[in-house]
């Protein structure tokens, strides 16, 4: 089954992880990478996860209860107990909360893709749960393309949107401007630059040259 690739915002959203082992640790790291407020519930929690309390991770060293789902935007069942993971998933689904039960595809309403991130640019891959080896390969290949410089270029393109919108009337013309700016940024990157932008004079020439 192919999963629909929907990107959602979880920054400052409450995300629950049930489980405190090595799998839970990986999920905590991913959710923190996207700015989530992570809550971990488990009778035993790895020291590595406990150390993340200074990063805002809330620790609840006890057994899971259904009330832990209150106010959650997303849930991960990451225990080594398949029955408990299933139960957590059922509770979440009944509340219409997206849930991932690790290694239990039938209990998942979403999956964690392999991804590469540079600032606000994210490239993600899914094999529908069939082949983590393949998605890891694709992730490694994408790292060759999705570099820090591409992240810089994206930030610059975002920073000029208001200016372009003010000075260029039509959507088609704006696209031409963005394509030309991107071409210059990619050329700069190809010559060893950091892709962080073009000069105001260069941008103004592009805007006036339409």
N, C-alpha and C. Protein backbone atom coordinates (compact mmCIF):
# COMPACT_ATOMS: atom_id res chain seq x y z
N UNK A 1 0.85 -1.20 0.00
CA UNK A 1 0.00 0.00 0.00
C UNK A 1 0.88 1.24 0.00
N UNK A 2 0.56 2.16 -0.88
CA UNK A 2 1.28 3.43 -0.92
C UNK A 2 0.60 4.43 0.01
N UNK A 3 1.40 5.12 0.82
CA UNK A 3 0.87 6.11 1.75
C UNK A 3 0.84 7.49 1.10
N UNK A 4 -0.23 8.23 1.34
CA UNK A 4 -0.35 9.60 0.83
C UNK A 4 0.67 10.49 1.54
N UNK A 5 1.53 11.18 0.79
CA UNK A 5 2.62 11.96 1.41
C UNK A 5 2.17 13.33 1.89
N UNK A 6 1.50 13.37 3.03
CA UNK A 6 1.01 14.64 3.57
C UNK A 6 1.98 15.14 4.65
N UNK A 7 2.43 16.39 4.50
CA UNK A 7 3.29 17.00 5.49
C UNK A 7 2.42 17.79 6.47
N UNK A 8 2.64 17.62 7.77
CA UNK A 8 1.84 18.33 8.76
C UNK A 8 2.75 19.11 9.70
N UNK A 9 2.22 20.16 10.27
CA UNK A 9 2.98 20.97 11.22
C UNK A 9 2.78 20.41 12.64
N UNK A 10 3.88 20.14 13.33
CA UNK A 10 3.79 19.67 14.71
C UNK A 10 4.57 20.57 15.67
N UNK A 11 5.06 21.68 15.18
CA UNK A 11 5.80 22.59 16.06
C UNK A 11 4.91 23.05 17.21
N UNK A 12 5.43 22.89 18.43
CA UNK A 12 4.72 23.26 19.66
C UNK A 12 3.43 22.46 19.88
N UNK A 13 3.28 21.34 19.16
CA UNK A 13 2.12 20.47 19.37
C UNK A 13 2.51 19.32 20.32
N UNK A 14 1.56 18.91 21.15
CA UNK A 14 1.81 17.81 22.08
C UNK A 14 1.83 16.47 21.34
N UNK A 15 2.95 15.78 21.43
CA UNK A 15 3.10 14.48 20.78
C UNK A 15 3.51 13.46 21.84
N UNK A 16 2.78 12.36 21.91
CA UNK A 16 3.00 11.35 22.94
C UNK A 16 3.76 10.15 22.38
N UNK A 17 4.77 9.74 23.12
CA UNK A 17 5.47 8.50 22.81
C UNK A 17 5.29 7.55 23.98
N UNK A 18 4.69 6.40 23.71
CA UNK A 18 4.52 5.38 24.74
C UNK A 18 5.65 4.37 24.56
N UNK A 19 6.54 4.34 25.51
CA UNK A 19 7.73 3.50 25.41
C UNK A 19 8.96 4.33 25.75
N UNK A 20 9.97 3.66 26.32
CA UNK A 20 11.15 4.40 26.75
C UNK A 20 12.46 3.76 26.34
N UNK A 21 12.42 2.91 25.30
CA UNK A 21 13.62 2.21 24.85
C UNK A 21 14.30 2.87 23.66
N UNK A 22 15.10 2.06 22.96
CA UNK A 22 15.91 2.60 21.86
C UNK A 22 15.04 3.06 20.68
N UNK A 23 13.95 2.35 20.42
CA UNK A 23 13.04 2.77 19.34
C UNK A 23 12.39 4.09 19.71
N UNK A 24 11.94 4.20 20.94
CA UNK A 24 11.34 5.45 21.41
C UNK A 24 12.33 6.60 21.30
N UNK A 25 13.59 6.33 21.62
CA UNK A 25 14.63 7.36 21.52
C UNK A 25 14.71 7.93 20.11
N UNK A 26 14.69 7.06 19.10
CA UNK A 26 14.76 7.53 17.71
C UNK A 26 13.55 8.40 17.37
N UNK A 27 12.38 8.01 17.85
CA UNK A 27 11.18 8.78 17.55
C UNK A 27 11.20 10.14 18.28
N UNK A 28 11.72 10.15 19.49
CA UNK A 28 11.86 11.42 20.22
C UNK A 28 12.75 12.37 19.42
N UNK A 29 13.85 11.85 18.91
CA UNK A 29 14.80 12.69 18.16
C UNK A 29 14.15 13.27 16.91
N UNK A 30 13.35 12.46 16.21
CA UNK A 30 12.68 12.94 15.01
C UNK A 30 11.67 14.03 15.34
N UNK A 31 10.86 13.80 16.35
CA UNK A 31 9.81 14.77 16.70
C UNK A 31 10.42 16.07 17.20
N UNK A 32 11.51 15.98 17.95
CA UNK A 32 12.19 17.20 18.40
C UNK A 32 12.76 17.98 17.23
N UNK A 33 13.20 17.26 16.21
CA UNK A 33 13.76 17.90 15.02
C UNK A 33 12.75 18.83 14.35
N UNK A 34 11.45 18.53 14.57
CA UNK A 34 10.40 19.34 13.97
C UNK A 34 9.65 20.19 15.01
N UNK A 35 10.27 20.36 16.17
CA UNK A 35 9.76 21.32 17.13
C UNK A 35 8.58 20.89 17.96
N UNK A 36 8.32 19.58 18.04
CA UNK A 36 7.17 19.10 18.82
C UNK A 36 7.43 19.19 20.31
N UNK A 37 6.35 19.27 21.08
CA UNK A 37 6.42 19.11 22.53
C UNK A 37 6.24 17.62 22.82
N UNK A 38 7.31 16.96 23.17
CA UNK A 38 7.31 15.51 23.27
C UNK A 38 7.07 15.07 24.71
N UNK A 39 6.14 14.13 24.87
CA UNK A 39 5.83 13.54 26.17
C UNK A 39 6.12 12.04 26.08
N UNK A 40 6.91 11.53 27.00
CA UNK A 40 7.28 10.11 27.01
C UNK A 40 6.69 9.45 28.24
N UNK A 41 5.93 8.37 28.00
CA UNK A 41 5.32 7.60 29.09
C UNK A 41 5.83 6.17 29.02
N UNK A 42 6.47 5.72 30.10
CA UNK A 42 6.95 4.33 30.18
C UNK A 42 7.43 4.06 31.59
N UNK A 43 7.26 2.84 32.08
CA UNK A 43 7.76 2.51 33.42
C UNK A 43 9.28 2.67 33.53
N UNK A 44 9.99 2.36 32.43
CA UNK A 44 11.44 2.53 32.40
C UNK A 44 11.81 3.36 31.18
N UNK A 45 12.64 4.38 31.39
CA UNK A 45 13.01 5.29 30.33
C UNK A 45 14.53 5.37 30.25
N UNK A 46 15.06 5.21 29.04
CA UNK A 46 16.50 5.24 28.84
C UNK A 46 17.12 6.54 29.36
N UNK A 47 18.34 6.47 29.90
CA UNK A 47 19.03 7.69 30.33
C UNK A 47 19.17 8.71 29.20
N UNK A 48 19.35 8.21 27.96
CA UNK A 48 19.50 9.12 26.82
C UNK A 48 18.24 9.95 26.62
N UNK A 49 17.08 9.35 26.85
CA UNK A 49 15.82 10.09 26.74
C UNK A 49 15.68 11.05 27.92
N UNK A 50 16.03 10.56 29.10
CA UNK A 50 15.94 11.41 30.29
C UNK A 50 16.79 12.66 30.14
N UNK A 51 17.94 12.51 29.47
CA UNK A 51 18.83 13.65 29.26
C UNK A 51 18.20 14.72 28.38
N UNK A 52 17.19 14.33 27.61
CA UNK A 52 16.53 15.28 26.72
C UNK A 52 15.48 16.14 27.44
N UNK A 53 15.35 15.93 28.74
CA UNK A 53 14.41 16.75 29.50
C UNK A 53 14.79 18.22 29.41
N UNK A 54 16.09 18.50 29.32
CA UNK A 54 16.54 19.89 29.19
C UNK A 54 16.15 20.49 27.84
N UNK A 55 15.80 19.63 26.87
CA UNK A 55 15.36 20.08 25.55
C UNK A 55 13.84 20.20 25.48
N UNK A 56 13.18 20.01 26.62
CA UNK A 56 11.74 20.18 26.66
C UNK A 56 10.93 18.89 26.66
N UNK A 57 11.60 17.74 26.65
CA UNK A 57 10.88 16.47 26.68
C UNK A 57 10.29 16.26 28.08
N UNK A 58 8.99 15.96 28.13
CA UNK A 58 8.32 15.69 29.40
C UNK A 58 8.36 14.19 29.68
N UNK A 59 8.83 13.82 30.85
CA UNK A 59 9.00 12.42 31.22
C UNK A 59 7.93 12.00 32.21
N UNK A 60 7.33 10.83 31.95
CA UNK A 60 6.30 10.28 32.83
C UNK A 60 6.65 8.81 33.10
N UNK A 61 7.47 8.55 34.11
CA UNK A 61 7.95 7.18 34.37
C UNK A 61 6.91 6.31 35.05
N UNK A 62 5.95 5.87 34.29
CA UNK A 62 4.85 5.04 34.80
C UNK A 62 4.19 4.33 33.62
N UNK A 63 3.20 3.50 33.93
CA UNK A 63 2.47 2.80 32.88
C UNK A 63 1.55 3.78 32.13
N UNK A 64 1.29 3.46 30.87
CA UNK A 64 0.39 4.26 30.04
C UNK A 64 -1.05 4.14 30.52
N UNK A 65 -1.79 5.25 30.43
CA UNK A 65 -3.24 5.22 30.65
C UNK A 65 -3.89 6.05 29.54
N UNK A 66 -5.13 5.76 29.26
CA UNK A 66 -5.80 6.40 28.12
C UNK A 66 -5.81 7.92 28.24
N UNK A 67 -5.86 8.44 29.46
CA UNK A 67 -5.90 9.89 29.66
C UNK A 67 -4.64 10.58 29.15
N UNK A 68 -3.57 9.81 28.94
CA UNK A 68 -2.34 10.40 28.40
C UNK A 68 -2.56 10.96 27.00
N UNK A 69 -3.62 10.51 26.33
CA UNK A 69 -3.90 10.97 24.97
C UNK A 69 -4.56 12.35 24.95
N UNK A 70 -5.02 12.82 26.09
CA UNK A 70 -5.71 14.11 26.12
C UNK A 70 -4.82 15.22 25.57
N UNK A 71 -5.34 15.95 24.59
CA UNK A 71 -4.62 17.09 24.03
C UNK A 71 -3.51 16.76 23.08
N UNK A 72 -3.37 15.50 22.70
CA UNK A 72 -2.27 15.10 21.81
C UNK A 72 -2.64 15.28 20.34
N UNK A 73 -1.67 15.72 19.58
CA UNK A 73 -1.85 15.87 18.14
C UNK A 73 -1.36 14.64 17.39
N UNK A 74 -0.54 13.83 18.06
CA UNK A 74 0.09 12.69 17.39
C UNK A 74 0.56 11.72 18.47
N UNK A 75 0.50 10.42 18.16
CA UNK A 75 0.86 9.39 19.13
C UNK A 75 1.78 8.35 18.49
N UNK A 76 2.77 7.92 19.24
CA UNK A 76 3.64 6.83 18.80
C UNK A 76 3.65 5.75 19.87
N UNK A 77 3.29 4.53 19.48
CA UNK A 77 3.36 3.38 20.37
C UNK A 77 4.66 2.65 20.07
N UNK A 78 5.62 2.75 20.99
CA UNK A 78 6.97 2.24 20.71
C UNK A 78 7.46 1.35 21.83
N UNK A 79 6.58 0.53 22.37
CA UNK A 79 6.99 -0.43 23.40
C UNK A 79 7.39 -1.74 22.75
N UNK A 80 7.91 -2.68 23.56
CA UNK A 80 8.22 -4.02 23.05
C UNK A 80 7.08 -4.99 23.30
N UNK A 81 5.90 -4.43 23.65
CA UNK A 81 4.70 -5.22 23.91
C UNK A 81 3.69 -4.96 22.79
N UNK A 82 3.57 -5.92 21.87
CA UNK A 82 2.70 -5.74 20.70
C UNK A 82 1.24 -5.50 21.10
N UNK A 83 0.80 -6.17 22.15
CA UNK A 83 -0.58 -6.00 22.60
C UNK A 83 -0.82 -4.59 23.13
N UNK A 84 0.13 -4.08 23.90
CA UNK A 84 0.01 -2.71 24.41
C UNK A 84 0.05 -1.71 23.27
N UNK A 85 0.94 -1.92 22.33
CA UNK A 85 1.00 -1.02 21.17
C UNK A 85 -0.33 -0.99 20.43
N UNK A 86 -0.93 -2.16 20.27
CA UNK A 86 -2.24 -2.26 19.61
C UNK A 86 -3.29 -1.50 20.40
N UNK A 87 -3.27 -1.66 21.70
CA UNK A 87 -4.25 -0.99 22.55
C UNK A 87 -4.11 0.52 22.45
N UNK A 88 -2.87 1.01 22.50
CA UNK A 88 -2.61 2.45 22.37
C UNK A 88 -3.14 2.95 21.03
N UNK A 89 -2.86 2.18 19.98
CA UNK A 89 -3.31 2.57 18.64
C UNK A 89 -4.83 2.63 18.56
N UNK A 90 -5.51 1.67 19.16
CA UNK A 90 -6.97 1.67 19.13
C UNK A 90 -7.54 2.88 19.87
N UNK A 91 -6.98 3.19 21.03
CA UNK A 91 -7.42 4.37 21.77
C UNK A 91 -7.24 5.63 20.93
N UNK A 92 -6.09 5.74 20.28
CA UNK A 92 -5.80 6.93 19.47
C UNK A 92 -6.75 7.03 18.28
N UNK A 93 -6.96 5.92 17.60
CA UNK A 93 -7.85 5.94 16.44
C UNK A 93 -9.29 6.31 16.84
N UNK A 94 -9.72 5.83 17.99
CA UNK A 94 -11.06 6.17 18.47
C UNK A 94 -11.21 7.66 18.72
N UNK A 95 -10.09 8.31 19.02
CA UNK A 95 -10.10 9.76 19.25
C UNK A 95 -9.70 10.53 17.99
N UNK A 96 -9.51 9.82 16.88
CA UNK A 96 -9.11 10.43 15.60
C UNK A 96 -7.76 11.14 15.71
N UNK A 97 -6.85 10.54 16.47
CA UNK A 97 -5.49 11.06 16.60
C UNK A 97 -4.56 10.21 15.73
N UNK A 98 -3.76 10.82 14.87
CA UNK A 98 -2.81 10.03 14.07
C UNK A 98 -1.89 9.22 14.98
N UNK A 99 -1.70 7.94 14.63
CA UNK A 99 -0.89 7.07 15.48
C UNK A 99 0.03 6.19 14.65
N UNK A 100 1.22 5.99 15.18
CA UNK A 100 2.18 5.06 14.60
C UNK A 100 2.53 4.02 15.65
N UNK A 101 2.28 2.76 15.32
CA UNK A 101 2.69 1.65 16.18
C UNK A 101 3.89 0.99 15.52
N UNK A 102 5.04 1.12 16.15
CA UNK A 102 6.30 0.73 15.52
C UNK A 102 6.29 -0.76 15.18
N UNK A 103 6.62 -1.06 13.91
CA UNK A 103 6.70 -2.43 13.40
C UNK A 103 5.37 -3.18 13.45
N UNK A 104 4.26 -2.43 13.56
CA UNK A 104 2.93 -3.05 13.51
C UNK A 104 2.10 -2.26 12.49
N UNK A 105 2.39 -2.52 11.24
CA UNK A 105 1.82 -1.75 10.14
C UNK A 105 0.31 -1.67 10.19
N UNK A 106 -0.33 -2.77 10.60
CA UNK A 106 -1.79 -2.81 10.61
C UNK A 106 -2.38 -1.88 11.67
N UNK A 107 -1.58 -1.46 12.64
CA UNK A 107 -2.06 -0.57 13.70
C UNK A 107 -1.74 0.90 13.43
N UNK A 108 -1.10 1.17 12.32
CA UNK A 108 -0.66 2.54 12.03
C UNK A 108 -1.67 3.30 11.18
N UNK A 109 -1.89 4.55 11.51
CA UNK A 109 -2.62 5.43 10.60
C UNK A 109 -1.66 6.35 9.86
N UNK A 110 -0.39 6.37 10.28
CA UNK A 110 0.66 7.05 9.52
C UNK A 110 1.97 6.33 9.81
N UNK A 111 2.95 6.57 8.95
CA UNK A 111 4.27 5.99 9.16
C UNK A 111 5.32 7.10 9.16
N UNK A 112 6.47 6.80 9.75
CA UNK A 112 7.60 7.73 9.72
C UNK A 112 8.41 7.45 8.45
N UNK A 113 8.53 8.42 7.56
CA UNK A 113 9.35 8.19 6.38
C UNK A 113 10.83 8.39 6.69
N UNK A 114 11.69 7.89 5.84
CA UNK A 114 13.09 8.32 5.86
C UNK A 114 13.13 9.72 5.28
N UNK A 115 13.87 10.61 5.90
CA UNK A 115 13.86 11.98 5.41
C UNK A 115 15.22 12.63 5.51
N UNK A 116 15.38 13.66 4.69
CA UNK A 116 16.55 14.53 4.73
C UNK A 116 16.02 15.95 4.90
N UNK A 117 16.61 16.70 5.81
CA UNK A 117 16.14 18.06 6.06
C UNK A 117 17.30 19.05 6.04
N UNK A 118 17.10 20.14 5.34
CA UNK A 118 18.01 21.28 5.39
C UNK A 118 17.16 22.52 5.63
N UNK A 119 17.17 23.03 6.84
CA UNK A 119 16.32 24.14 7.24
C UNK A 119 14.85 23.78 6.97
N UNK A 120 14.17 24.51 6.10
CA UNK A 120 12.75 24.23 5.86
C UNK A 120 12.50 23.34 4.65
N UNK A 121 13.56 22.85 4.02
CA UNK A 121 13.40 21.93 2.90
C UNK A 121 13.49 20.50 3.43
N UNK A 122 12.46 19.71 3.14
CA UNK A 122 12.42 18.33 3.62
C UNK A 122 12.12 17.40 2.44
N UNK A 123 12.97 16.43 2.25
CA UNK A 123 12.72 15.38 1.28
C UNK A 123 12.47 14.08 2.02
N UNK A 124 11.37 13.38 1.72
CA UNK A 124 11.00 12.18 2.48
C UNK A 124 10.68 11.03 1.53
N UNK A 125 10.93 9.81 2.04
CA UNK A 125 10.71 8.61 1.23
C UNK A 125 9.96 7.56 2.04
N UNK A 126 9.09 6.85 1.36
CA UNK A 126 8.37 5.73 1.97
C UNK A 126 8.33 4.57 0.99
N UNK A 127 8.48 3.37 1.52
CA UNK A 127 8.33 2.17 0.69
C UNK A 127 7.04 1.44 1.02
N UNK A 128 6.12 2.14 1.70
CA UNK A 128 4.89 1.49 2.14
C UNK A 128 5.14 0.44 3.19
N UNK A 129 6.27 0.56 3.88
CA UNK A 129 6.61 -0.41 4.91
C UNK A 129 7.30 -1.65 4.39
N UNK A 130 7.56 -1.72 3.09
CA UNK A 130 8.12 -2.94 2.50
C UNK A 130 9.62 -3.07 2.66
N UNK A 131 10.35 -1.93 2.56
CA UNK A 131 11.80 -2.04 2.50
C UNK A 131 12.50 -0.84 3.12
N UNK A 132 12.78 -0.89 4.43
CA UNK A 132 13.57 0.17 5.05
C UNK A 132 14.96 0.33 4.42
N UNK A 133 15.50 -0.77 3.92
CA UNK A 133 16.82 -0.70 3.27
C UNK A 133 16.75 0.20 2.04
N UNK A 134 15.68 0.09 1.26
CA UNK A 134 15.54 0.92 0.06
C UNK A 134 15.36 2.38 0.42
N UNK A 135 14.53 2.67 1.43
CA UNK A 135 14.32 4.07 1.79
C UNK A 135 15.59 4.68 2.36
N UNK A 136 16.39 3.88 3.07
CA UNK A 136 17.67 4.40 3.58
C UNK A 136 18.61 4.70 2.42
N UNK A 137 18.60 3.85 1.40
CA UNK A 137 19.41 4.11 0.20
C UNK A 137 19.01 5.43 -0.46
N UNK A 138 17.70 5.61 -0.63
CA UNK A 138 17.21 6.84 -1.26
C UNK A 138 17.56 8.07 -0.41
N UNK A 139 17.48 7.92 0.90
CA UNK A 139 17.84 9.01 1.80
C UNK A 139 19.31 9.40 1.62
N UNK A 140 20.17 8.40 1.54
CA UNK A 140 21.60 8.67 1.36
C UNK A 140 21.87 9.34 0.01
N UNK A 141 21.14 8.91 -1.02
CA UNK A 141 21.31 9.53 -2.33
C UNK A 141 20.82 10.98 -2.31
N UNK A 142 19.71 11.24 -1.62
CA UNK A 142 19.15 12.58 -1.56
C UNK A 142 20.10 13.56 -0.85
N UNK A 143 20.89 13.05 0.08
CA UNK A 143 21.83 13.92 0.79
C UNK A 143 22.82 14.57 -0.17
N UNK A 144 23.07 13.94 -1.31
CA UNK A 144 23.98 14.50 -2.30
C UNK A 144 23.38 15.72 -2.98
N UNK A 145 22.05 15.77 -3.02
CA UNK A 145 21.33 16.85 -3.70
C UNK A 145 20.84 17.90 -2.71
N UNK A 146 20.25 17.43 -1.62
CA UNK A 146 19.66 18.33 -0.64
C UNK A 146 20.73 18.72 0.38
N UNK A 147 21.52 19.72 0.00
CA UNK A 147 22.66 20.16 0.78
C UNK A 147 22.30 21.39 1.62
N UNK A 148 23.16 21.78 2.56
CA UNK A 148 22.90 23.02 3.31
C UNK A 148 22.73 24.23 2.40
N UNK A 149 23.41 24.23 1.28
CA UNK A 149 23.30 25.36 0.35
C UNK A 149 21.90 25.45 -0.25
N UNK A 150 21.29 24.29 -0.50
CA UNK A 150 19.92 24.30 -1.01
C UNK A 150 18.98 24.85 0.07
N UNK A 151 19.25 24.51 1.31
CA UNK A 151 18.46 25.08 2.41
C UNK A 151 18.59 26.59 2.45
N UNK A 152 19.80 27.11 2.23
CA UNK A 152 20.00 28.56 2.19
C UNK A 152 19.23 29.20 1.03
N UNK A 153 19.27 28.55 -0.12
CA UNK A 153 18.58 29.07 -1.29
C UNK A 153 17.08 29.16 -1.04
N UNK A 154 16.54 28.14 -0.41
CA UNK A 154 15.11 28.15 -0.11
C UNK A 154 14.75 29.30 0.84
N UNK A 155 15.58 29.54 1.83
CA UNK A 155 15.31 30.64 2.76
C UNK A 155 15.33 31.97 2.03
N UNK A 156 16.28 32.13 1.11
CA UNK A 156 16.36 33.39 0.36
C UNK A 156 15.13 33.56 -0.53
N UNK A 157 14.73 32.50 -1.22
CA UNK A 157 13.54 32.59 -2.07
C UNK A 157 12.30 32.97 -1.25
N UNK A 158 12.23 32.44 -0.04
CA UNK A 158 11.11 32.80 0.82
C UNK A 158 11.18 34.26 1.25
N UNK A 159 12.39 34.77 1.44
CA UNK A 159 12.55 36.13 1.93
C UNK A 159 12.18 37.19 0.90
N UNK A 160 12.16 36.84 -0.38
CA UNK A 160 11.85 37.84 -1.42
C UNK A 160 10.41 37.74 -1.92
N UNK A 161 9.63 36.85 -1.35
CA UNK A 161 8.27 36.64 -1.85
C UNK A 161 7.43 37.92 -1.81
N UNK A 162 7.47 38.63 -0.69
CA UNK A 162 6.66 39.85 -0.58
C UNK A 162 7.09 40.89 -1.60
N UNK A 163 8.40 41.03 -1.77
CA UNK A 163 8.91 42.01 -2.73
C UNK A 163 8.49 41.66 -4.15
N UNK A 164 8.60 40.39 -4.50
CA UNK A 164 8.20 39.96 -5.84
C UNK A 164 6.71 40.17 -6.04
N UNK A 165 5.93 39.83 -5.03
CA UNK A 165 4.48 39.97 -5.13
C UNK A 165 4.07 41.43 -5.31
N UNK A 166 4.79 42.34 -4.65
CA UNK A 166 4.47 43.77 -4.75
C UNK A 166 4.79 44.34 -6.13
N UNK A 167 5.87 43.84 -6.73
CA UNK A 167 6.36 44.45 -7.96
C UNK A 167 5.97 43.71 -9.23
N UNK A 168 5.48 42.48 -9.08
CA UNK A 168 5.15 41.68 -10.27
C UNK A 168 3.68 41.31 -10.20
N UNK A 169 2.95 41.63 -11.25
CA UNK A 169 1.48 41.54 -11.21
C UNK A 169 0.94 40.12 -11.33
N UNK A 170 1.49 39.33 -12.23
CA UNK A 170 0.87 38.04 -12.54
C UNK A 170 1.66 36.87 -11.96
N UNK A 171 0.95 35.78 -11.74
CA UNK A 171 1.58 34.58 -11.20
C UNK A 171 2.60 34.00 -12.17
N UNK A 172 2.28 34.05 -13.45
CA UNK A 172 3.21 33.53 -14.46
C UNK A 172 4.52 34.31 -14.45
N UNK A 173 4.42 35.62 -14.32
CA UNK A 173 5.62 36.45 -14.30
C UNK A 173 6.43 36.21 -13.03
N UNK A 174 5.73 36.01 -11.93
CA UNK A 174 6.44 35.73 -10.68
C UNK A 174 7.22 34.42 -10.79
N UNK A 175 6.60 33.42 -11.41
CA UNK A 175 7.30 32.15 -11.59
C UNK A 175 8.57 32.33 -12.41
N UNK A 176 8.51 33.19 -13.43
CA UNK A 176 9.71 33.45 -14.24
C UNK A 176 10.80 34.08 -13.39
N UNK A 177 10.40 35.00 -12.52
CA UNK A 177 11.39 35.62 -11.63
C UNK A 177 12.04 34.57 -10.74
N UNK A 178 11.21 33.74 -10.11
CA UNK A 178 11.74 32.73 -9.20
C UNK A 178 12.65 31.74 -9.92
N UNK A 179 12.28 31.38 -11.14
CA UNK A 179 13.13 30.46 -11.91
C UNK A 179 14.50 31.09 -12.20
N UNK A 180 14.49 32.37 -12.55
CA UNK A 180 15.75 33.05 -12.85
C UNK A 180 16.60 33.21 -11.60
N UNK A 181 15.96 33.55 -10.50
CA UNK A 181 16.69 33.67 -9.23
C UNK A 181 17.28 32.33 -8.83
N UNK A 182 16.45 31.27 -8.93
CA UNK A 182 16.93 29.94 -8.58
C UNK A 182 18.11 29.53 -9.46
N UNK A 183 18.02 29.85 -10.75
CA UNK A 183 19.12 29.51 -11.66
C UNK A 183 20.41 30.19 -11.22
N UNK A 184 20.31 31.44 -10.79
CA UNK A 184 21.51 32.15 -10.32
C UNK A 184 22.03 31.55 -9.02
N UNK A 185 21.12 31.18 -8.13
CA UNK A 185 21.53 30.57 -6.87
C UNK A 185 22.23 29.23 -7.11
N UNK A 186 21.66 28.43 -8.01
CA UNK A 186 22.26 27.12 -8.31
C UNK A 186 23.61 27.28 -8.98
N UNK A 187 23.73 28.30 -9.82
CA UNK A 187 25.01 28.59 -10.46
C UNK A 187 26.05 28.96 -9.40
N UNK A 188 25.61 29.78 -8.45
CA UNK A 188 26.52 30.18 -7.36
C UNK A 188 26.96 28.96 -6.55
N UNK A 189 26.00 28.07 -6.26
CA UNK A 189 26.33 26.86 -5.50
C UNK A 189 27.31 25.99 -6.29
N UNK A 190 27.07 25.89 -7.60
CA UNK A 190 27.95 25.09 -8.44
C UNK A 190 29.37 25.62 -8.49
N UNK A 191 29.53 26.91 -8.23
CA UNK A 191 30.86 27.52 -8.22
C UNK A 191 31.45 27.60 -6.83
N UNK A 192 30.81 26.92 -5.88
CA UNK A 192 31.35 26.86 -4.53
C UNK A 192 30.74 27.85 -3.56
N UNK A 193 29.68 28.57 -3.98
CA UNK A 193 29.03 29.54 -3.10
C UNK A 193 28.10 28.85 -2.12
N UNK A 194 27.52 29.65 -1.22
CA UNK A 194 26.65 29.06 -0.19
C UNK A 194 25.17 29.18 -0.51
N UNK A 195 24.83 29.79 -1.67
CA UNK A 195 23.44 29.85 -2.09
C UNK A 195 22.55 30.73 -1.25
N UNK A 196 23.14 31.66 -0.49
CA UNK A 196 22.36 32.44 0.46
C UNK A 196 21.64 33.63 -0.16
N UNK A 197 21.90 33.93 -1.46
CA UNK A 197 21.14 35.01 -2.08
C UNK A 197 21.91 35.71 -3.19
N UNK A 198 21.22 36.63 -3.86
CA UNK A 198 21.84 37.47 -4.87
C UNK A 198 21.73 38.91 -4.38
N UNK A 199 22.46 39.80 -5.02
CA UNK A 199 22.46 41.19 -4.56
C UNK A 199 21.13 41.85 -4.88
N UNK A 200 20.82 42.92 -4.15
CA UNK A 200 19.59 43.67 -4.41
C UNK A 200 19.57 44.22 -5.83
N UNK A 201 20.73 44.63 -6.32
CA UNK A 201 20.81 45.16 -7.69
C UNK A 201 20.46 44.08 -8.70
N UNK A 202 20.97 42.87 -8.49
CA UNK A 202 20.67 41.77 -9.41
C UNK A 202 19.18 41.43 -9.38
N UNK A 203 18.62 41.40 -8.18
CA UNK A 203 17.20 41.10 -8.06
C UNK A 203 16.36 42.18 -8.73
N UNK A 204 16.73 43.43 -8.54
CA UNK A 204 15.97 44.52 -9.14
C UNK A 204 16.03 44.46 -10.67
N UNK A 205 17.17 44.09 -11.21
CA UNK A 205 17.29 43.95 -12.66
C UNK A 205 16.33 42.86 -13.18
N UNK A 206 16.25 41.76 -12.43
CA UNK A 206 15.34 40.69 -12.83
C UNK A 206 13.90 41.17 -12.79
N UNK A 207 13.55 41.93 -11.76
CA UNK A 207 12.19 42.42 -11.62
C UNK A 207 11.84 43.43 -12.69
N UNK A 208 12.79 44.26 -13.03
CA UNK A 208 12.53 45.30 -14.04
C UNK A 208 12.60 44.74 -15.45
N UNK A 209 13.26 43.58 -15.59
CA UNK A 209 13.47 43.03 -16.94
C UNK A 209 12.30 42.22 -17.45
N UNK A 210 11.24 42.10 -16.69
CA UNK A 210 10.09 41.32 -17.15
C UNK A 210 9.32 42.06 -18.24
